[in-house]
């Protein structure tokens, strides 16, 4: 059963995605509730953005715990496959919530944005760091770049690609993004393409990432 709070969040996601300046009254109308009902759940615009970012953080955690996530179960993936599965598992979440990072930067101020976006990305950053460290140790990734710098480069590349999706200048199911992440990590292009396609096919067979049953 959809709660009123969830209905408001879904309407906010839609309306703010179309127009970041959308008034709360318009969001309440789109959710089919009175303005006082919206304010009963969210004290104002900032609280509404906070609610959306918190929901996004939960979705990231669920994606990383689902059956399509990297190293979801035995046998353990090789590092390149784990990185491809990481990108594919998170891509739908990133596609859906990329707008929220931009909204947080606009509405929460630099300090709060750093805190909230950091909270949103922390589980993904930790998983990525572990994959990159293992890939460097096993010789699958670029060993001439420190693990922290390499992980930051992969993250920055993926966020830039997600921004292109958000702006409507590019579309992808995650396969090309996974290929790009592997190439950034130092995997040869032909191997990267094949690894990303194989990971995509495996994900399709096991079902989309999501919370464990």
C-alpha atoms as a PDB file:
ATOM      1  CA  UNK A   1       0.000   0.000   0.000  1.00  0.00           C
ATOM      2  CA  UNK A   2       1.386   3.395  -1.012  1.00  0.00           C
ATOM      3  CA  UNK A   3       1.577   5.805   1.907  1.00  0.00           C
ATOM      4  CA  UNK A   4       0.852   9.523   1.652  1.00  0.00           C
ATOM      5  CA  UNK A   5       4.509  10.281   2.352  1.00  0.00           C
ATOM      6  CA  UNK A   6       5.613   7.999  -0.492  1.00  0.00           C
ATOM      7  CA  UNK A   7       3.059   9.570  -2.831  1.00  0.00           C
ATOM      8  CA  UNK A   8       4.431  13.029  -2.009  1.00  0.00           C
ATOM      9  CA  UNK A   9       8.027  11.875  -2.598  1.00  0.00           C
ATOM     10  CA  UNK A  10       7.149  10.323  -5.974  1.00  0.00           C
ATOM     11  CA  UNK A  11       5.353  13.506  -7.043  1.00  0.00           C
ATOM     12  CA  UNK A  12       8.321  15.613  -5.873  1.00  0.00           C
ATOM     13  CA  UNK A  13      10.728  13.408  -7.804  1.00  0.00           C
ATOM     14  CA  UNK A  14       8.678  13.844 -10.998  1.00  0.00           C
ATOM     15  CA  UNK A  15       7.952  17.548 -10.634  1.00  0.00           C
ATOM     16  CA  UNK A  16      11.422  18.626  -9.521  1.00  0.00           C
ATOM     17  CA  UNK A  17      12.951  16.533 -12.274  1.00  0.00           C
ATOM     18  CA  UNK A  18      10.948  18.544 -14.784  1.00  0.00           C
ATOM     19  CA  UNK A  19      11.447  21.900 -13.065  1.00  0.00           C
ATOM     20  CA  UNK A  20      13.858  22.362 -10.122  1.00  0.00           C
ATOM     21  CA  UNK A  21      11.950  25.544  -9.154  1.00  0.00           C
ATOM     22  CA  UNK A  22       8.598  23.771  -8.855  1.00  0.00           C
ATOM     23  CA  UNK A  23       6.583  25.191  -5.969  1.00  0.00           C
ATOM     24  CA  UNK A  24       5.526  22.988  -3.064  1.00  0.00           C
ATOM     25  CA  UNK A  25       1.896  23.811  -3.837  1.00  0.00           C
ATOM     26  CA  UNK A  26       2.314  22.301  -7.305  1.00  0.00           C
ATOM     27  CA  UNK A  27       3.986  19.210  -5.824  1.00  0.00           C
ATOM     28  CA  UNK A  28       1.112  18.794  -3.357  1.00  0.00           C
ATOM     29  CA  UNK A  29      -1.392  19.076  -6.206  1.00  0.00           C
ATOM     30  CA  UNK A  30       0.542  16.490  -8.257  1.00  0.00           C
ATOM     31  CA  UNK A  31       0.497  14.154  -5.238  1.00  0.00           C
ATOM     32  CA  UNK A  32      -3.239  14.639  -4.832  1.00  0.00           C
ATOM     33  CA  UNK A  33      -2.952  16.072  -1.328  1.00  0.00           C
ATOM     34  CA  UNK A  34      -3.607  19.426   0.338  1.00  0.00           C
ATOM     35  CA  UNK A  35      -0.680  21.738   1.038  1.00  0.00           C
ATOM     36  CA  UNK A  36      -1.188  21.307   4.785  1.00  0.00           C
ATOM     37  CA  UNK A  37      -0.872  17.537   4.319  1.00  0.00           C
ATOM     38  CA  UNK A  38       2.470  17.972   2.549  1.00  0.00           C
ATOM     39  CA  UNK A  39       3.669  20.281   5.327  1.00  0.00           C
ATOM     40  CA  UNK A  40       2.540  17.682   7.860  1.00  0.00           C
ATOM     41  CA  UNK A  41       5.146  15.327   6.411  1.00  0.00           C
ATOM     42  CA  UNK A  42       7.803  17.826   5.315  1.00  0.00           C
ATOM     43  CA  UNK A  43       8.358  21.171   7.032  1.00  0.00           C
ATOM     44  CA  UNK A  44       9.494  22.797   3.778  1.00  0.00           C
ATOM     45  CA  UNK A  45      11.414  22.400   0.554  1.00  0.00           C
ATOM     46  CA  UNK A  46      14.687  21.579   2.304  1.00  0.00           C
ATOM     47  CA  UNK A  47      13.047  18.803   4.326  1.00  0.00           C
ATOM     48  CA  UNK A  48      11.512  17.413   1.140  1.00  0.00           C
ATOM     49  CA  UNK A  49      14.918  17.331  -0.590  1.00  0.00           C
ATOM     50  CA  UNK A  50      16.371  15.676   2.514  1.00  0.00           C
ATOM     51  CA  UNK A  51      13.647  13.027   2.290  1.00  0.00           C
ATOM     52  CA  UNK A  52      14.426  12.321  -1.353  1.00  0.00           C
ATOM     53  CA  UNK A  53      18.172  12.081  -0.706  1.00  0.00           C
ATOM     54  CA  UNK A  54      17.590   9.745   2.248  1.00  0.00           C
ATOM     55  CA  UNK A  55      15.386   7.541   0.090  1.00  0.00           C
ATOM     56  CA  UNK A  56      18.069   7.517  -2.601  1.00  0.00           C
ATOM     57  CA  UNK A  57      20.693   6.396  -0.076  1.00  0.00           C
ATOM     58  CA  UNK A  58      18.469   3.475   0.888  1.00  0.00           C
ATOM     59  CA  UNK A  59      18.024   2.553  -2.780  1.00  0.00           C
ATOM     60  CA  UNK A  60      21.824   2.535  -3.241  1.00  0.00           C
ATOM     61  CA  UNK A  61      22.212   0.177  -0.279  1.00  0.00           C
ATOM     62  CA  UNK A  62      19.478  -2.109  -1.630  1.00  0.00           C
ATOM     63  CA  UNK A  63      21.079  -2.200  -5.093  1.00  0.00           C
ATOM     64  CA  UNK A  64      24.427  -3.180  -3.601  1.00  0.00           C
ATOM     65  CA  UNK A  65      22.787  -5.962  -1.565  1.00  0.00           C
ATOM     66  CA  UNK A  66      20.716  -7.439  -4.385  1.00  0.00           C
ATOM     67  CA  UNK A  67      21.368 -10.559  -6.484  1.00  0.00           C
ATOM     68  CA  UNK A  68      22.730  -8.509  -9.380  1.00  0.00           C
ATOM     69  CA  UNK A  69      25.336  -6.770  -7.236  1.00  0.00           C
ATOM     70  CA  UNK A  70      29.083  -7.484  -7.359  1.00  0.00           C
ATOM     71  CA  UNK A  71      30.257 -10.464  -5.314  1.00  0.00           C
ATOM     72  CA  UNK A  72      26.640 -11.252  -4.423  1.00  0.00           C
ATOM     73  CA  UNK A  73      27.506 -14.895  -3.871  1.00  0.00           C
ATOM     74  CA  UNK A  74      29.897 -17.689  -4.775  1.00  0.00           C
ATOM     75  CA  UNK A  75      31.798 -18.117  -6.932  1.00  0.00           C
ATOM     76  CA  UNK A  76      33.447 -14.751  -6.347  1.00  0.00           C
ATOM     77  CA  UNK A  77      33.672 -12.540  -9.424  1.00  0.00           C
ATOM     78  CA  UNK A  78      37.028 -11.598 -10.878  1.00  0.00           C
ATOM     79  CA  UNK A  79      37.697  -7.861 -10.292  1.00  0.00           C
ATOM     80  CA  UNK A  80      36.763  -6.771 -13.831  1.00  0.00           C
ATOM     81  CA  UNK A  81      33.430  -8.607 -13.684  1.00  0.00           C
ATOM     82  CA  UNK A  82      32.811  -7.262 -10.173  1.00  0.00           C
ATOM     83  CA  UNK A  83      33.334  -3.692 -11.424  1.00  0.00           C
ATOM     84  CA  UNK A  84      31.009  -4.247 -14.379  1.00  0.00           C
ATOM     85  CA  UNK A  85      28.330  -5.730 -12.107  1.00  0.00           C
ATOM     86  CA  UNK A  86      28.786  -2.807  -9.699  1.00  0.00           C
ATOM     87  CA  UNK A  87      28.041  -0.293 -12.464  1.00  0.00           C
ATOM     88  CA  UNK A  88      25.099  -2.287 -13.826  1.00  0.00           C
ATOM     89  CA  UNK A  89      23.568  -2.745 -10.359  1.00  0.00           C
ATOM     90  CA  UNK A  90      23.751   0.968  -9.546  1.00  0.00           C
ATOM     91  CA  UNK A  91      22.952   2.404 -12.975  1.00  0.00           C
ATOM     92  CA  UNK A  92      19.134   2.391 -12.574  1.00  0.00           C
ATOM     93  CA  UNK A  93      19.533   4.058  -9.165  1.00  0.00           C
ATOM     94  CA  UNK A  94      21.945   6.643 -10.540  1.00  0.00           C
ATOM     95  CA  UNK A  95      19.684   7.323 -13.504  1.00  0.00           C
ATOM     96  CA  UNK A  96      16.717   7.862 -11.195  1.00  0.00           C
ATOM     97  CA  UNK A  97      18.461   9.929  -8.561  1.00  0.00           C
ATOM     98  CA  UNK A  98      21.070  11.889 -10.502  1.00  0.00           C
ATOM     99  CA  UNK A  99      18.781  14.907 -10.345  1.00  0.00           C
ATOM    100  CA  UNK A 100      18.830  14.780  -6.554  1.00  0.00           C
ATOM    101  CA  UNK A 101      22.538  15.503  -6.359  1.00  0.00           C
ATOM    102  CA  UNK A 102      21.972  18.635  -8.435  1.00  0.00           C
ATOM    103  CA  UNK A 103      18.985  19.625  -6.265  1.00  0.00           C
ATOM    104  CA  UNK A 104      20.970  19.062  -3.067  1.00  0.00           C
ATOM    105  CA  UNK A 105      23.762  21.278  -4.353  1.00  0.00           C
ATOM    106  CA  UNK A 106      21.221  23.986  -5.122  1.00  0.00           C
ATOM    107  CA  UNK A 107      19.017  23.823  -2.035  1.00  0.00           C
ATOM    108  CA  UNK A 108      20.994  22.503   0.918  1.00  0.00           C
ATOM    109  CA  UNK A 109      24.113  24.682   0.739  1.00  0.00           C
ATOM    110  CA  UNK A 110      27.701  23.461   0.323  1.00  0.00           C
ATOM    111  CA  UNK A 111      28.176  22.014   3.823  1.00  0.00           C
ATOM    112  CA  UNK A 112      24.907  20.117   3.952  1.00  0.00           C
ATOM    113  CA  UNK A 113      25.312  19.016   0.338  1.00  0.00           C
ATOM    114  CA  UNK A 114      28.734  17.562   1.073  1.00  0.00           C
ATOM    115  CA  UNK A 115      27.317  15.730   4.086  1.00  0.00           C
ATOM    116  CA  UNK A 116      24.158  14.395   2.388  1.00  0.00           C
ATOM    117  CA  UNK A 117      25.727  13.504  -0.962  1.00  0.00           C
ATOM    118  CA  UNK A 118      28.595  11.869   0.916  1.00  0.00           C
ATOM    119  CA  UNK A 119      26.019   9.816   2.852  1.00  0.00           C
ATOM    120  CA  UNK A 120      24.281   8.912  -0.401  1.00  0.00           C
ATOM    121  CA  UNK A 121      27.467   7.782  -2.128  1.00  0.00           C
ATOM    122  CA  UNK A 122      29.327   6.255   0.849  1.00  0.00           C
ATOM    123  CA  UNK A 123      28.173   2.615   0.384  1.00  0.00           C
ATOM    124  CA  UNK A 124      28.955   2.773  -3.339  1.00  0.00           C
ATOM    125  CA  UNK A 125      32.350   4.385  -2.696  1.00  0.00           C
ATOM    126  CA  UNK A 126      33.270   1.711  -0.153  1.00  0.00           C
ATOM    127  CA  UNK A 127      32.305  -1.091  -2.539  1.00  0.00           C
ATOM    128  CA  UNK A 128      34.137   0.535  -5.443  1.00  0.00           C
ATOM    129  CA  UNK A 129      37.259   1.052  -3.313  1.00  0.00           C
ATOM    130  CA  UNK A 130      37.307  -2.639  -2.366  1.00  0.00           C
ATOM    131  CA  UNK A 131      36.912  -3.737  -5.998  1.00  0.00           C
ATOM    132  CA  UNK A 132      39.641  -1.365  -7.202  1.00  0.00           C
ATOM    133  CA  UNK A 133      42.049  -2.417  -4.441  1.00  0.00           C
ATOM    134  CA  UNK A 134      41.534  -6.097  -5.268  1.00  0.00           C
ATOM    135  CA  UNK A 135      41.842  -5.427  -9.000  1.00  0.00           C
ATOM    136  CA  UNK A 136      45.162  -3.657  -8.527  1.00  0.00           C
ATOM    137  CA  UNK A 137      46.442  -6.374  -6.205  1.00  0.00           C
ATOM    138  CA  UNK A 138      45.561  -9.100  -8.732  1.00  0.00           C
ATOM    139  CA  UNK A 139      46.926  -7.128 -11.687  1.00  0.00           C
ATOM    140  CA  UNK A 140      43.550  -6.711 -13.401  1.00  0.00           C
ATOM    141  CA  UNK A 141      43.545  -2.904 -13.136  1.00  0.00           C
ATOM    142  CA  UNK A 142      46.034  -0.080 -13.653  1.00  0.00           C
ATOM    143  CA  UNK A 143      48.753  -0.498 -11.032  1.00  0.00           C
ATOM    144  CA  UNK A 144      50.606   2.739 -11.830  1.00  0.00           C
ATOM    145  CA  UNK A 145      47.872   4.835 -10.183  1.00  0.00           C
ATOM    146  CA  UNK A 146      47.187   4.661  -6.414  1.00  0.00           C
ATOM    147  CA  UNK A 147      43.997   2.809  -5.555  1.00  0.00           C
ATOM    148  CA  UNK A 148      42.334   5.880  -4.047  1.00  0.00           C
ATOM    149  CA  UNK A 149      43.053   8.024  -7.088  1.00  0.00           C
ATOM    150  CA  UNK A 150      41.940   5.280  -9.469  1.00  0.00           C
ATOM    151  CA  UNK A 151      38.674   4.785  -7.583  1.00  0.00           C
ATOM    152  CA  UNK A 152      38.052   8.556  -7.629  1.00  0.00           C
ATOM    153  CA  UNK A 153      38.695   8.629 -11.389  1.00  0.00           C
ATOM    154  CA  UNK A 154      36.204   5.822 -12.018  1.00  0.00           C
ATOM    155  CA  UNK A 155      33.599   7.532  -9.800  1.00  0.00           C
ATOM    156  CA  UNK A 156      34.062  10.906 -11.503  1.00  0.00           C
ATOM    157  CA  UNK A 157      33.725   9.292 -14.937  1.00  0.00           C
ATOM    158  CA  UNK A 158      30.499   7.526 -13.951  1.00  0.00           C
ATOM    159  CA  UNK A 159      28.984  10.670 -12.399  1.00  0.00           C
ATOM    160  CA  UNK A 160      29.795  12.603 -15.578  1.00  0.00           C
ATOM    161  CA  UNK A 161      28.050   9.948 -17.681  1.00  0.00           C
ATOM    162  CA  UNK A 162      25.033   9.999 -15.361  1.00  0.00           C
ATOM    163  CA  UNK A 163      24.872  13.773 -15.735  1.00  0.00           C
ATOM    164  CA  UNK A 164      24.693  13.316 -19.525  1.00  0.00           C
ATOM    165  CA  UNK A 165      21.762  10.920 -19.019  1.00  0.00           C
ATOM    166  CA  UNK A 166      20.070  13.411 -16.675  1.00  0.00           C
ATOM    167  CA  UNK A 167      20.454  16.197 -19.240  1.00  0.00           C
ATOM    168  CA  UNK A 168      19.109  13.967 -22.023  1.00  0.00           C
ATOM    169  CA  UNK A 169      22.269  14.130 -24.151  1.00  0.00           C
ATOM    170  CA  UNK A 170      22.967  10.383 -23.888  1.00  0.00           C
ATOM    171  CA  UNK A 171      21.131   7.180 -22.987  1.00  0.00           C
ATOM    172  CA  UNK A 172      22.458   3.814 -21.875  1.00  0.00           C
ATOM    173  CA  UNK A 173      21.265   0.702 -20.066  1.00  0.00           C
ATOM    174  CA  UNK A 174      24.519   0.668 -18.112  1.00  0.00           C
ATOM    175  CA  UNK A 175      26.492  -1.582 -20.468  1.00  0.00           C
ATOM    176  CA  UNK A 176      28.467   1.205 -22.139  1.00  0.00           C
ATOM    177  CA  UNK A 177      28.994   2.881 -18.764  1.00  0.00           C
ATOM    178  CA  UNK A 178      30.373  -0.382 -17.363  1.00  0.00           C
ATOM    179  CA  UNK A 179      32.681  -0.641 -20.375  1.00  0.00           C
ATOM    180  CA  UNK A 180      33.877   2.938 -19.803  1.00  0.00           C
ATOM    181  CA  UNK A 181      34.511   2.239 -16.101  1.00  0.00           C
ATOM    182  CA  UNK A 182      36.615  -0.809 -16.969  1.00  0.00           C
ATOM    183  CA  UNK A 183      38.644   1.124 -19.541  1.00  0.00           C
ATOM    184  CA  UNK A 184      39.197   3.901 -16.983  1.00  0.00           C
ATOM    185  CA  UNK A 185      40.469   1.252 -14.566  1.00  0.00           C
ATOM    186  CA  UNK A 186      42.971   0.080 -17.180  1.00  0.00           C
ATOM    187  CA  UNK A 187      41.229  -2.915 -18.752  1.00  0.00           C
ATOM    188  CA  UNK A 188      41.850  -3.231 -22.537  1.00  0.00           C
ATOM    189  CA  UNK A 189      38.882  -1.969 -24.571  1.00  0.00           C
ATOM    190  CA  UNK A 190      38.027  -5.297 -26.233  1.00  0.00           C
ATOM    191  CA  UNK A 191      38.135  -7.124 -22.890  1.00  0.00           C
ATOM    192  CA  UNK A 192      36.122  -4.353 -21.236  1.00  0.00           C
ATOM    193  CA  UNK A 193      33.352  -4.586 -23.840  1.00  0.00           C
ATOM    194  CA  UNK A 194      33.101  -8.365 -23.561  1.00  0.00           C
ATOM    195  CA  UNK A 195      33.169  -8.286 -19.749  1.00  0.00           C
ATOM    196  CA  UNK A 196      30.419  -5.659 -19.611  1.00  0.00           C
ATOM    197  CA  UNK A 197      28.212  -7.599 -22.054  1.00  0.00           C
ATOM    198  CA  UNK A 198      28.715 -10.828 -20.116  1.00  0.00           C
ATOM    199  CA  UNK A 199      27.909  -9.102 -16.814  1.00  0.00           C
ATOM    200  CA  UNK A 200      24.775  -7.560 -18.358  1.00  0.00           C
ATOM    201  CA  UNK A 201      23.591 -10.963 -19.599  1.00  0.00           C
ATOM    202  CA  UNK A 202      24.225 -12.504 -16.177  1.00  0.00           C
ATOM    203  CA  UNK A 203      22.302  -9.691 -14.497  1.00  0.00           C
ATOM    204  CA  UNK A 204      19.384 -10.203 -16.887  1.00  0.00           C
ATOM    205  CA  UNK A 205      19.341 -13.909 -16.033  1.00  0.00           C
ATOM    206  CA  UNK A 206      19.423 -13.378 -12.257  1.00  0.00           C
ATOM    207  CA  UNK A 207      17.026 -10.427 -12.236  1.00  0.00           C
ATOM    208  CA  UNK A 208      17.551  -6.764 -11.326  1.00  0.00           C
ATOM    209  CA  UNK A 209      19.391  -5.842  -8.185  1.00  0.00           C
ATOM    210  CA  UNK A 210      17.232  -5.271  -5.167  1.00  0.00           C
ATOM    211  CA  UNK A 211      16.925  -6.045  -1.473  1.00  0.00           C
ATOM    212  CA  UNK A 212      17.484  -9.664  -0.495  1.00  0.00           C
ATOM    213  CA  UNK A 213      14.347 -11.765  -0.140  1.00  0.00           C
END
